[in-house]
């Protein structure tokens, strides 16, 4: 019921607010549907644009951002480090230059990038996330690990994107992370 109300509110008020915003800001690129949420993801074109724009700042240096993200993740959620046999019982300073860490960090950031690149192709986006869920469940990764990782990603982006990290960007990424979590964990058999 809450999702319905959010969708209705965005669809009804979104058009009015979009018109006013477009007139005031000159941002008419997104058109009159800029604040109408996608029925599958709940993300609006404006939110998608915010996600893409902020990710474009991460894109040029995926590997280093990935390593830095994992360092933050393991600092804030140390139990997650033990999920990785290659990283277990290693100091973070050692992991920072570990080639397996660099490879895994790059893989994760590339997966996030694939999701960002497919925000406008929701069916492909959902399939990417479902595959991630199936693969991680098969490896025995608890679904709760995704729940722990999401807020750390939001904080990481906020700390690294400077003025580009607006309240709108944070809200868009927060909603996107929830969608990612919901789709990935929907593939777990105990759901």
N, C-alpha and C. Protein backbone atom coordinates (compact mmCIF):
# COMPACT_ATOMS: atom_id res chain seq x y z
N UNK A 1 0.82 -1.19 0.00
CA UNK A 1 0.00 0.00 0.00
C UNK A 1 0.87 1.26 0.00
N UNK A 2 1.98 1.20 0.74
CA UNK A 2 2.86 2.36 0.81
C UNK A 2 3.48 2.65 -0.56
N UNK A 3 3.92 1.60 -1.27
CA UNK A 3 4.50 1.79 -2.60
C UNK A 3 3.47 2.39 -3.54
N UNK A 4 2.21 1.92 -3.44
CA UNK A 4 1.15 2.48 -4.27
C UNK A 4 0.98 3.97 -4.00
N UNK A 5 0.93 4.34 -2.71
CA UNK A 5 0.76 5.75 -2.35
C UNK A 5 1.94 6.59 -2.82
N UNK A 6 3.17 6.04 -2.66
CA UNK A 6 4.35 6.78 -3.14
C UNK A 6 4.28 6.96 -4.65
N UNK A 7 3.90 5.90 -5.36
CA UNK A 7 3.81 5.96 -6.81
C UNK A 7 2.73 6.96 -7.23
N UNK A 8 1.56 6.88 -6.58
CA UNK A 8 0.48 7.80 -6.91
C UNK A 8 0.91 9.24 -6.66
N UNK A 9 1.53 9.49 -5.49
CA UNK A 9 1.95 10.85 -5.14
C UNK A 9 2.95 11.37 -6.16
N UNK A 10 3.94 10.53 -6.50
CA UNK A 10 4.94 10.97 -7.46
C UNK A 10 4.31 11.24 -8.82
N UNK A 11 3.41 10.36 -9.24
CA UNK A 11 2.79 10.53 -10.56
C UNK A 11 1.92 11.78 -10.59
N UNK A 12 1.16 12.01 -9.53
CA UNK A 12 0.26 13.16 -9.49
C UNK A 12 1.02 14.46 -9.29
N UNK A 13 1.78 14.51 -8.23
CA UNK A 13 2.49 15.75 -7.90
C UNK A 13 3.74 15.92 -8.74
N UNK A 14 4.28 14.79 -9.21
CA UNK A 14 5.52 14.86 -9.98
C UNK A 14 5.40 15.72 -11.22
N UNK A 15 4.27 15.59 -11.93
CA UNK A 15 4.09 16.38 -13.13
C UNK A 15 4.07 17.87 -12.84
N UNK A 16 3.37 18.25 -11.79
CA UNK A 16 3.30 19.66 -11.39
C UNK A 16 4.68 20.15 -10.98
N UNK A 17 5.33 19.38 -10.12
CA UNK A 17 6.65 19.80 -9.64
C UNK A 17 7.67 19.83 -10.78
N UNK A 18 7.58 18.87 -11.69
CA UNK A 18 8.49 18.86 -12.83
C UNK A 18 8.33 20.11 -13.68
N UNK A 19 7.09 20.49 -13.93
CA UNK A 19 6.85 21.68 -14.74
C UNK A 19 7.44 22.92 -14.07
N UNK A 20 7.19 23.06 -12.78
CA UNK A 20 7.72 24.22 -12.05
C UNK A 20 9.24 24.18 -12.04
N UNK A 21 9.80 23.01 -11.72
CA UNK A 21 11.26 22.88 -11.67
C UNK A 21 11.88 23.17 -13.04
N UNK A 22 11.30 22.61 -14.10
CA UNK A 22 11.84 22.82 -15.44
C UNK A 22 11.80 24.29 -15.81
N UNK A 23 10.71 24.96 -15.48
CA UNK A 23 10.61 26.39 -15.77
C UNK A 23 11.67 27.16 -14.99
N UNK A 24 11.81 26.83 -13.69
CA UNK A 24 12.72 27.57 -12.83
C UNK A 24 14.19 27.27 -13.14
N UNK A 25 14.52 26.01 -13.38
CA UNK A 25 15.92 25.62 -13.55
C UNK A 25 16.37 25.56 -15.00
N UNK A 26 15.43 25.55 -15.91
CA UNK A 26 15.80 25.38 -17.31
C UNK A 26 16.11 23.93 -17.66
N UNK A 27 15.87 22.99 -16.74
CA UNK A 27 16.15 21.57 -16.95
C UNK A 27 14.97 20.92 -17.64
N UNK A 28 14.93 21.03 -18.96
CA UNK A 28 13.80 20.48 -19.69
C UNK A 28 14.20 19.23 -20.47
N UNK A 29 15.43 18.76 -20.28
CA UNK A 29 15.92 17.59 -20.99
C UNK A 29 15.13 16.33 -20.66
N UNK A 30 14.65 16.22 -19.44
CA UNK A 30 14.02 14.98 -19.00
C UNK A 30 12.55 14.89 -19.37
N UNK A 31 11.97 15.98 -19.80
CA UNK A 31 10.59 15.96 -20.24
C UNK A 31 9.58 15.92 -19.11
N UNK A 32 8.32 15.84 -19.48
CA UNK A 32 7.25 15.90 -18.48
C UNK A 32 7.15 14.65 -17.61
N UNK A 33 7.81 13.57 -18.00
CA UNK A 33 7.75 12.33 -17.23
C UNK A 33 8.91 12.19 -16.25
N UNK A 34 9.65 13.26 -16.02
CA UNK A 34 10.88 13.19 -15.22
C UNK A 34 10.67 12.68 -13.80
N UNK A 35 9.49 12.86 -13.26
CA UNK A 35 9.23 12.44 -11.88
C UNK A 35 8.20 11.32 -11.79
N UNK A 36 7.99 10.63 -12.89
CA UNK A 36 7.08 9.48 -12.89
C UNK A 36 7.91 8.22 -12.67
N UNK A 37 7.66 7.50 -11.58
CA UNK A 37 8.48 6.33 -11.27
C UNK A 37 8.24 5.16 -12.21
N UNK A 38 9.30 4.43 -12.47
CA UNK A 38 9.19 3.19 -13.22
C UNK A 38 8.39 2.20 -12.37
N UNK A 39 7.45 1.47 -12.97
CA UNK A 39 6.62 0.56 -12.17
C UNK A 39 7.40 -0.60 -11.54
N UNK A 40 8.54 -0.94 -12.10
CA UNK A 40 9.32 -2.05 -11.56
C UNK A 40 10.30 -1.59 -10.49
N UNK A 41 11.06 -0.53 -10.79
CA UNK A 41 12.10 -0.09 -9.86
C UNK A 41 11.64 0.98 -8.89
N UNK A 42 10.62 1.74 -9.28
CA UNK A 42 10.21 2.86 -8.45
C UNK A 42 11.07 4.09 -8.66
N UNK A 43 12.09 3.98 -9.51
CA UNK A 43 12.99 5.10 -9.79
C UNK A 43 12.42 5.96 -10.91
N UNK A 44 12.54 7.26 -10.77
CA UNK A 44 12.09 8.19 -11.80
C UNK A 44 13.23 8.48 -12.77
N UNK A 45 12.93 8.98 -13.96
CA UNK A 45 14.00 9.40 -14.87
C UNK A 45 14.95 10.42 -14.22
N UNK A 46 14.41 11.31 -13.40
CA UNK A 46 15.26 12.29 -12.73
C UNK A 46 16.22 11.59 -11.76
N UNK A 47 15.71 10.61 -11.02
CA UNK A 47 16.58 9.85 -10.11
C UNK A 47 17.62 9.05 -10.89
N UNK A 48 17.19 8.44 -11.99
CA UNK A 48 18.15 7.72 -12.83
C UNK A 48 19.25 8.65 -13.32
N UNK A 49 18.86 9.84 -13.76
CA UNK A 49 19.85 10.80 -14.25
C UNK A 49 20.82 11.20 -13.15
N UNK A 50 20.33 11.34 -11.94
CA UNK A 50 21.19 11.68 -10.80
C UNK A 50 22.17 10.55 -10.51
N UNK A 51 21.70 9.32 -10.58
CA UNK A 51 22.57 8.16 -10.35
C UNK A 51 23.65 8.10 -11.42
N UNK A 52 23.26 8.26 -12.67
CA UNK A 52 24.23 8.21 -13.77
C UNK A 52 25.26 9.34 -13.64
N UNK A 53 24.78 10.54 -13.35
CA UNK A 53 25.70 11.69 -13.24
C UNK A 53 26.71 11.50 -12.12
N UNK A 54 26.27 10.97 -11.00
CA UNK A 54 27.22 10.77 -9.90
C UNK A 54 28.14 9.59 -10.18
N UNK A 55 27.62 8.54 -10.80
CA UNK A 55 28.48 7.39 -11.13
C UNK A 55 29.53 7.79 -12.16
N UNK A 56 29.21 8.72 -13.03
CA UNK A 56 30.19 9.17 -14.02
C UNK A 56 31.44 9.74 -13.36
N UNK A 57 31.34 10.16 -12.11
CA UNK A 57 32.52 10.63 -11.38
C UNK A 57 33.34 9.46 -10.83
N UNK A 58 32.71 8.32 -10.63
CA UNK A 58 33.38 7.11 -10.15
C UNK A 58 34.01 6.35 -11.31
N UNK A 59 33.32 6.34 -12.43
CA UNK A 59 33.66 5.54 -13.61
C UNK A 59 35.12 5.60 -14.04
N UNK A 60 35.77 6.77 -14.06
CA UNK A 60 37.14 6.82 -14.58
C UNK A 60 38.17 6.03 -13.77
N UNK A 61 37.88 5.73 -12.51
CA UNK A 61 38.85 5.04 -11.68
C UNK A 61 38.17 3.95 -10.85
N UNK A 62 37.53 3.01 -11.55
CA UNK A 62 36.75 1.98 -10.87
C UNK A 62 37.56 1.15 -9.89
N UNK A 63 38.75 0.74 -10.32
CA UNK A 63 39.54 -0.14 -9.46
C UNK A 63 39.87 0.53 -8.13
N UNK A 64 40.38 1.75 -8.16
CA UNK A 64 40.76 2.42 -6.92
C UNK A 64 39.54 2.72 -6.05
N UNK A 65 38.46 3.16 -6.68
CA UNK A 65 37.24 3.39 -5.91
C UNK A 65 36.74 2.08 -5.30
N UNK A 66 36.85 0.99 -6.05
CA UNK A 66 36.43 -0.31 -5.54
C UNK A 66 37.25 -0.74 -4.33
N UNK A 67 38.55 -0.58 -4.43
CA UNK A 67 39.43 -0.92 -3.30
C UNK A 67 39.07 -0.06 -2.09
N UNK A 68 38.91 1.23 -2.31
CA UNK A 68 38.57 2.13 -1.20
C UNK A 68 37.21 1.78 -0.59
N UNK A 69 36.27 1.40 -1.44
CA UNK A 69 34.96 0.98 -0.92
C UNK A 69 35.10 -0.25 -0.03
N UNK A 70 35.86 -1.24 -0.48
CA UNK A 70 36.02 -2.46 0.32
C UNK A 70 36.78 -2.18 1.62
N UNK A 71 37.73 -1.27 1.59
CA UNK A 71 38.42 -0.91 2.83
C UNK A 71 37.41 -0.32 3.83
N UNK A 72 36.56 0.55 3.33
CA UNK A 72 35.52 1.15 4.20
C UNK A 72 34.54 0.07 4.67
N UNK A 73 34.15 -0.81 3.77
CA UNK A 73 33.21 -1.87 4.12
C UNK A 73 33.79 -2.76 5.22
N UNK A 74 35.05 -3.15 5.07
CA UNK A 74 35.66 -4.03 6.06
C UNK A 74 35.96 -3.31 7.37
N UNK A 75 36.18 -2.00 7.31
CA UNK A 75 36.35 -1.22 8.55
C UNK A 75 35.03 -1.14 9.31
N UNK A 76 33.94 -0.89 8.58
CA UNK A 76 32.64 -0.70 9.23
C UNK A 76 31.93 -2.01 9.55
N UNK A 77 32.16 -3.02 8.74
CA UNK A 77 31.51 -4.32 8.92
C UNK A 77 32.57 -5.42 8.85
N UNK A 78 33.44 -5.51 9.87
CA UNK A 78 34.58 -6.43 9.81
C UNK A 78 34.20 -7.89 9.59
N UNK A 79 33.00 -8.27 10.01
CA UNK A 79 32.59 -9.67 9.81
C UNK A 79 32.48 -10.03 8.33
N UNK A 80 32.27 -9.03 7.48
CA UNK A 80 32.17 -9.30 6.04
C UNK A 80 33.51 -9.71 5.46
N UNK A 81 34.59 -9.21 6.01
CA UNK A 81 35.92 -9.59 5.53
C UNK A 81 36.13 -11.10 5.66
N UNK A 82 35.58 -11.68 6.71
CA UNK A 82 35.74 -13.12 6.94
C UNK A 82 34.94 -13.97 5.96
N UNK A 83 34.03 -13.37 5.21
CA UNK A 83 33.29 -14.11 4.19
C UNK A 83 34.19 -14.48 3.00
N UNK A 84 35.32 -13.81 2.89
CA UNK A 84 36.24 -14.03 1.77
C UNK A 84 37.46 -14.79 2.27
N UNK A 85 37.63 -16.02 1.81
CA UNK A 85 38.78 -16.83 2.26
C UNK A 85 40.10 -16.12 1.96
N UNK A 86 40.19 -15.45 0.84
CA UNK A 86 41.44 -14.77 0.45
C UNK A 86 41.74 -13.54 1.30
N UNK A 87 40.74 -12.99 1.97
CA UNK A 87 40.93 -11.75 2.72
C UNK A 87 40.90 -11.97 4.23
N UNK A 88 40.49 -13.15 4.64
CA UNK A 88 40.33 -13.47 6.06
C UNK A 88 41.67 -13.33 6.79
N UNK A 89 41.63 -12.75 7.97
CA UNK A 89 42.81 -12.63 8.83
C UNK A 89 43.94 -11.80 8.23
N UNK A 90 43.61 -10.92 7.30
CA UNK A 90 44.62 -10.02 6.73
C UNK A 90 44.36 -8.61 7.22
N UNK A 91 45.43 -7.88 7.40
CA UNK A 91 45.31 -6.47 7.78
C UNK A 91 44.78 -5.68 6.58
N UNK A 92 44.01 -4.64 6.87
CA UNK A 92 43.48 -3.80 5.79
C UNK A 92 44.61 -3.17 4.98
N UNK A 93 45.69 -2.80 5.65
CA UNK A 93 46.83 -2.21 4.93
C UNK A 93 47.40 -3.19 3.92
N UNK A 94 47.39 -4.46 4.24
CA UNK A 94 47.86 -5.49 3.31
C UNK A 94 46.86 -5.69 2.17
N UNK A 95 45.58 -5.66 2.50
CA UNK A 95 44.55 -5.84 1.48
C UNK A 95 44.54 -4.70 0.47
N UNK A 96 44.90 -3.52 0.90
CA UNK A 96 44.87 -2.35 0.02
C UNK A 96 45.73 -2.57 -1.24
N UNK A 97 46.79 -3.38 -1.12
CA UNK A 97 47.68 -3.62 -2.27
C UNK A 97 47.58 -5.06 -2.77
N UNK A 98 46.64 -5.82 -2.25
CA UNK A 98 46.44 -7.22 -2.62
C UNK A 98 45.78 -7.30 -4.00
N UNK A 99 46.37 -8.07 -4.91
CA UNK A 99 45.85 -8.15 -6.28
C UNK A 99 44.50 -8.86 -6.35
N UNK A 100 44.25 -9.82 -5.45
CA UNK A 100 42.93 -10.45 -5.42
C UNK A 100 41.87 -9.44 -4.98
N UNK A 101 42.24 -8.58 -4.05
CA UNK A 101 41.33 -7.51 -3.63
C UNK A 101 41.06 -6.58 -4.80
N UNK A 102 42.11 -6.20 -5.51
CA UNK A 102 41.95 -5.30 -6.65
C UNK A 102 41.02 -5.93 -7.70
N UNK A 103 41.20 -7.22 -7.93
CA UNK A 103 40.37 -7.91 -8.93
C UNK A 103 38.91 -7.97 -8.47
N UNK A 104 38.69 -8.34 -7.22
CA UNK A 104 37.31 -8.44 -6.73
C UNK A 104 36.65 -7.06 -6.67
N UNK A 105 37.39 -6.08 -6.21
CA UNK A 105 36.86 -4.71 -6.13
C UNK A 105 36.47 -4.20 -7.51
N UNK A 106 37.30 -4.49 -8.50
CA UNK A 106 37.01 -4.08 -9.88
C UNK A 106 35.77 -4.80 -10.39
N UNK A 107 35.66 -6.09 -10.08
CA UNK A 107 34.50 -6.87 -10.51
C UNK A 107 33.21 -6.29 -9.92
N UNK A 108 33.23 -5.97 -8.64
CA UNK A 108 32.03 -5.42 -7.99
C UNK A 108 31.68 -4.06 -8.58
N UNK A 109 32.67 -3.21 -8.76
CA UNK A 109 32.38 -1.88 -9.31
C UNK A 109 31.89 -1.98 -10.76
N UNK A 110 32.43 -2.93 -11.51
CA UNK A 110 31.97 -3.15 -12.88
C UNK A 110 30.52 -3.63 -12.87
N UNK A 111 30.15 -4.47 -11.90
CA UNK A 111 28.76 -4.93 -11.78
C UNK A 111 27.83 -3.76 -11.45
N UNK A 112 28.27 -2.89 -10.54
CA UNK A 112 27.46 -1.70 -10.22
C UNK A 112 27.33 -0.83 -11.47
N UNK A 113 28.43 -0.68 -12.19
CA UNK A 113 28.40 0.12 -13.42
C UNK A 113 27.42 -0.47 -14.43
N UNK A 114 27.39 -1.79 -14.55
CA UNK A 114 26.44 -2.43 -15.48
C UNK A 114 25.00 -2.11 -15.08
N UNK A 115 24.74 -2.07 -13.78
CA UNK A 115 23.40 -1.70 -13.31
C UNK A 115 23.09 -0.25 -13.65
N UNK A 116 24.03 0.63 -13.40
CA UNK A 116 23.84 2.05 -13.72
C UNK A 116 23.60 2.21 -15.22
N UNK A 117 24.39 1.50 -16.02
CA UNK A 117 24.27 1.61 -17.47
C UNK A 117 22.96 1.04 -18.00
N UNK A 118 22.26 0.25 -17.19
CA UNK A 118 21.01 -0.36 -17.63
C UNK A 118 19.79 0.18 -16.88
N UNK A 119 19.92 1.32 -16.25
CA UNK A 119 18.76 1.91 -15.57
C UNK A 119 17.62 2.18 -16.54
N UNK A 120 17.95 2.43 -17.80
CA UNK A 120 16.92 2.70 -18.79
C UNK A 120 16.44 1.43 -19.50
N UNK A 121 16.98 0.28 -19.11
CA UNK A 121 16.57 -1.02 -19.64
C UNK A 121 16.29 -1.92 -18.44
N UNK A 122 15.13 -1.74 -17.86
CA UNK A 122 14.81 -2.35 -16.57
C UNK A 122 14.84 -3.88 -16.64
N UNK A 123 14.40 -4.46 -17.75
CA UNK A 123 14.40 -5.93 -17.84
C UNK A 123 15.82 -6.47 -17.75
N UNK A 124 16.76 -5.84 -18.43
CA UNK A 124 18.15 -6.27 -18.35
C UNK A 124 18.70 -6.03 -16.96
N UNK A 125 18.39 -4.89 -16.38
CA UNK A 125 18.83 -4.58 -15.02
C UNK A 125 18.36 -5.65 -14.04
N UNK A 126 17.11 -6.03 -14.12
CA UNK A 126 16.56 -7.05 -13.23
C UNK A 126 17.27 -8.38 -13.44
N UNK A 127 17.54 -8.74 -14.69
CA UNK A 127 18.24 -10.01 -14.96
C UNK A 127 19.66 -9.98 -14.40
N UNK A 128 20.35 -8.85 -14.52
CA UNK A 128 21.69 -8.73 -13.94
C UNK A 128 21.64 -8.97 -12.43
N UNK A 129 20.67 -8.36 -11.78
CA UNK A 129 20.55 -8.48 -10.33
C UNK A 129 20.13 -9.89 -9.91
N UNK A 130 19.23 -10.50 -10.67
CA UNK A 130 18.82 -11.87 -10.36
C UNK A 130 20.02 -12.82 -10.47
N UNK A 131 20.81 -12.64 -11.51
CA UNK A 131 22.00 -13.48 -11.68
C UNK A 131 22.95 -13.30 -10.50
N UNK A 132 23.12 -12.07 -10.06
CA UNK A 132 23.97 -11.81 -8.89
C UNK A 132 23.43 -12.54 -7.67
N UNK A 133 22.13 -12.50 -7.48
CA UNK A 133 21.51 -13.19 -6.35
C UNK A 133 21.73 -14.69 -6.40
N UNK A 134 21.48 -15.28 -7.56
CA UNK A 134 21.66 -16.73 -7.72
C UNK A 134 23.12 -17.12 -7.45
N UNK A 135 24.05 -16.37 -8.05
CA UNK A 135 25.47 -16.69 -7.89
C UNK A 135 25.93 -16.56 -6.44
N UNK A 136 25.47 -15.54 -5.76
CA UNK A 136 25.90 -15.34 -4.37
C UNK A 136 25.25 -16.36 -3.43
N UNK A 137 24.01 -16.70 -3.68
CA UNK A 137 23.40 -17.74 -2.84
C UNK A 137 24.13 -19.07 -3.04
N UNK A 138 24.46 -19.38 -4.28
CA UNK A 138 25.17 -20.62 -4.59
C UNK A 138 26.51 -20.69 -3.84
N UNK A 139 27.15 -19.54 -3.67
CA UNK A 139 28.43 -19.49 -2.95
C UNK A 139 28.25 -19.43 -1.44
N UNK A 140 27.01 -19.39 -0.98
CA UNK A 140 26.76 -19.37 0.46
C UNK A 140 26.87 -18.00 1.10
N UNK A 141 26.78 -16.95 0.29
CA UNK A 141 26.84 -15.59 0.83
C UNK A 141 25.49 -15.26 1.46
N UNK A 142 25.46 -14.95 2.74
CA UNK A 142 24.17 -14.62 3.38
C UNK A 142 23.57 -13.36 2.77
N UNK A 143 22.26 -13.38 2.59
CA UNK A 143 21.61 -12.21 1.99
C UNK A 143 21.78 -10.96 2.85
N UNK A 144 21.97 -11.17 4.14
CA UNK A 144 22.17 -10.03 5.05
C UNK A 144 23.43 -9.24 4.70
N UNK A 145 24.39 -9.89 4.05
CA UNK A 145 25.60 -9.18 3.65
C UNK A 145 25.29 -8.03 2.70
N UNK A 146 24.29 -8.23 1.85
CA UNK A 146 23.89 -7.16 0.93
C UNK A 146 23.26 -6.01 1.71
N UNK A 147 22.50 -6.36 2.74
CA UNK A 147 21.87 -5.33 3.56
C UNK A 147 22.91 -4.49 4.29
N UNK A 148 24.00 -5.12 4.72
CA UNK A 148 25.08 -4.40 5.39
C UNK A 148 25.88 -3.54 4.41
N UNK A 149 26.03 -4.02 3.18
CA UNK A 149 26.86 -3.34 2.18
C UNK A 149 26.23 -2.06 1.65
N UNK A 150 24.91 -2.06 1.51
CA UNK A 150 24.22 -0.92 0.90
C UNK A 150 24.48 0.41 1.57
N UNK A 151 24.25 0.52 2.89
CA UNK A 151 24.50 1.80 3.56
C UNK A 151 25.96 2.24 3.48
N UNK A 152 26.87 1.28 3.47
CA UNK A 152 28.29 1.63 3.36
C UNK A 152 28.56 2.22 1.98
N UNK A 153 27.94 1.66 0.95
CA UNK A 153 28.11 2.23 -0.39
C UNK A 153 27.58 3.66 -0.43
N UNK A 154 26.43 3.89 0.16
CA UNK A 154 25.86 5.25 0.19
C UNK A 154 26.82 6.21 0.89
N UNK A 155 27.33 5.80 2.05
CA UNK A 155 28.29 6.65 2.78
C UNK A 155 29.56 6.87 1.97
N UNK A 156 30.04 5.81 1.33
CA UNK A 156 31.26 5.91 0.53
C UNK A 156 31.08 6.93 -0.60
N UNK A 157 29.98 6.83 -1.31
CA UNK A 157 29.72 7.78 -2.39
C UNK A 157 29.64 9.20 -1.84
N UNK A 158 28.95 9.36 -0.74
CA UNK A 158 28.83 10.69 -0.13
C UNK A 158 30.17 11.29 0.24
N UNK A 159 31.07 10.45 0.73
CA UNK A 159 32.40 10.93 1.14
C UNK A 159 33.31 11.23 -0.04
N UNK A 160 33.00 10.67 -1.21
CA UNK A 160 33.92 10.78 -2.33
C UNK A 160 33.43 11.62 -3.50
N UNK A 161 32.19 12.06 -3.47
CA UNK A 161 31.65 12.78 -4.62
C UNK A 161 31.53 14.29 -4.43
N UNK A 162 31.97 14.77 -3.30
CA UNK A 162 32.00 16.21 -3.08
C UNK A 162 30.65 16.87 -3.29
N UNK A 163 30.66 18.00 -3.99
CA UNK A 163 29.44 18.78 -4.21
C UNK A 163 28.42 18.07 -5.10
N UNK A 164 28.86 17.04 -5.82
CA UNK A 164 27.92 16.29 -6.67
C UNK A 164 26.97 15.44 -5.83
N UNK A 165 27.36 15.19 -4.57
CA UNK A 165 26.52 14.38 -3.67
C UNK A 165 25.47 15.28 -3.03
N UNK A 166 24.41 15.50 -3.76
CA UNK A 166 23.31 16.35 -3.31
C UNK A 166 22.29 15.51 -2.53
N UNK A 167 21.38 16.15 -1.84
CA UNK A 167 20.31 15.38 -1.20
C UNK A 167 19.52 14.53 -2.21
N UNK A 168 19.36 15.06 -3.43
CA UNK A 168 18.65 14.31 -4.46
C UNK A 168 19.45 13.08 -4.88
N UNK A 169 20.77 13.23 -5.01
CA UNK A 169 21.61 12.09 -5.37
C UNK A 169 21.56 11.03 -4.28
N UNK A 170 21.65 11.45 -3.04
CA UNK A 170 21.59 10.50 -1.92
C UNK A 170 20.25 9.77 -1.91
N UNK A 171 19.17 10.49 -2.10
CA UNK A 171 17.84 9.86 -2.11
C UNK A 171 17.72 8.86 -3.26
N UNK A 172 18.24 9.23 -4.43
CA UNK A 172 18.17 8.34 -5.59
C UNK A 172 18.98 7.07 -5.35
N UNK A 173 20.20 7.22 -4.87
CA UNK A 173 21.04 6.06 -4.59
C UNK A 173 20.44 5.20 -3.48
N UNK A 174 19.86 5.81 -2.48
CA UNK A 174 19.25 5.05 -1.38
C UNK A 174 18.11 4.18 -1.90
N UNK A 175 17.28 4.74 -2.76
CA UNK A 175 16.20 3.96 -3.36
C UNK A 175 16.76 2.87 -4.26
N UNK A 176 17.78 3.20 -5.05
CA UNK A 176 18.38 2.21 -5.95
C UNK A 176 18.97 1.04 -5.17
N UNK A 177 19.65 1.33 -4.07
CA UNK A 177 20.24 0.27 -3.25
C UNK A 177 19.15 -0.64 -2.69
N UNK A 178 18.01 -0.07 -2.32
CA UNK A 178 16.90 -0.89 -1.83
C UNK A 178 16.38 -1.80 -2.94
N UNK A 179 16.26 -1.28 -4.15
CA UNK A 179 15.82 -2.08 -5.29
C UNK A 179 16.81 -3.22 -5.53
N UNK A 180 18.10 -2.89 -5.52
CA UNK A 180 19.14 -3.90 -5.72
C UNK A 180 19.00 -5.00 -4.68
N UNK A 181 18.89 -4.62 -3.42
CA UNK A 181 18.76 -5.60 -2.34
C UNK A 181 17.52 -6.47 -2.54
N UNK A 182 16.40 -5.85 -2.84
CA UNK A 182 15.15 -6.60 -3.00
C UNK A 182 15.23 -7.61 -4.14
N UNK A 183 15.80 -7.21 -5.27
CA UNK A 183 15.86 -8.12 -6.42
C UNK A 183 16.88 -9.23 -6.16
N UNK A 184 18.05 -8.87 -5.67
CA UNK A 184 19.08 -9.89 -5.41
C UNK A 184 18.56 -10.91 -4.40
N UNK A 185 18.02 -10.46 -3.29
CA UNK A 185 17.61 -11.40 -2.25
C UNK A 185 16.34 -12.16 -2.61
N UNK A 186 15.60 -11.69 -3.61
CA UNK A 186 14.42 -12.44 -4.07
C UNK A 186 14.83 -13.77 -4.70
N UNK A 187 16.09 -13.90 -5.05
CA UNK A 187 16.58 -15.13 -5.67
C UNK A 187 17.02 -16.17 -4.65
N UNK A 188 17.05 -15.79 -3.40
CA UNK A 188 17.42 -16.74 -2.35
C UNK A 188 16.24 -17.67 -2.08
N UNK A 189 16.52 -18.94 -1.92
CA UNK A 189 15.46 -19.95 -1.78
C UNK A 189 14.64 -19.79 -0.51
N UNK A 190 15.22 -19.19 0.53
CA UNK A 190 14.50 -19.07 1.79
C UNK A 190 13.62 -17.83 1.87
N UNK A 191 13.46 -17.14 0.76
CA UNK A 191 12.65 -15.92 0.75
C UNK A 191 11.18 -16.28 0.72
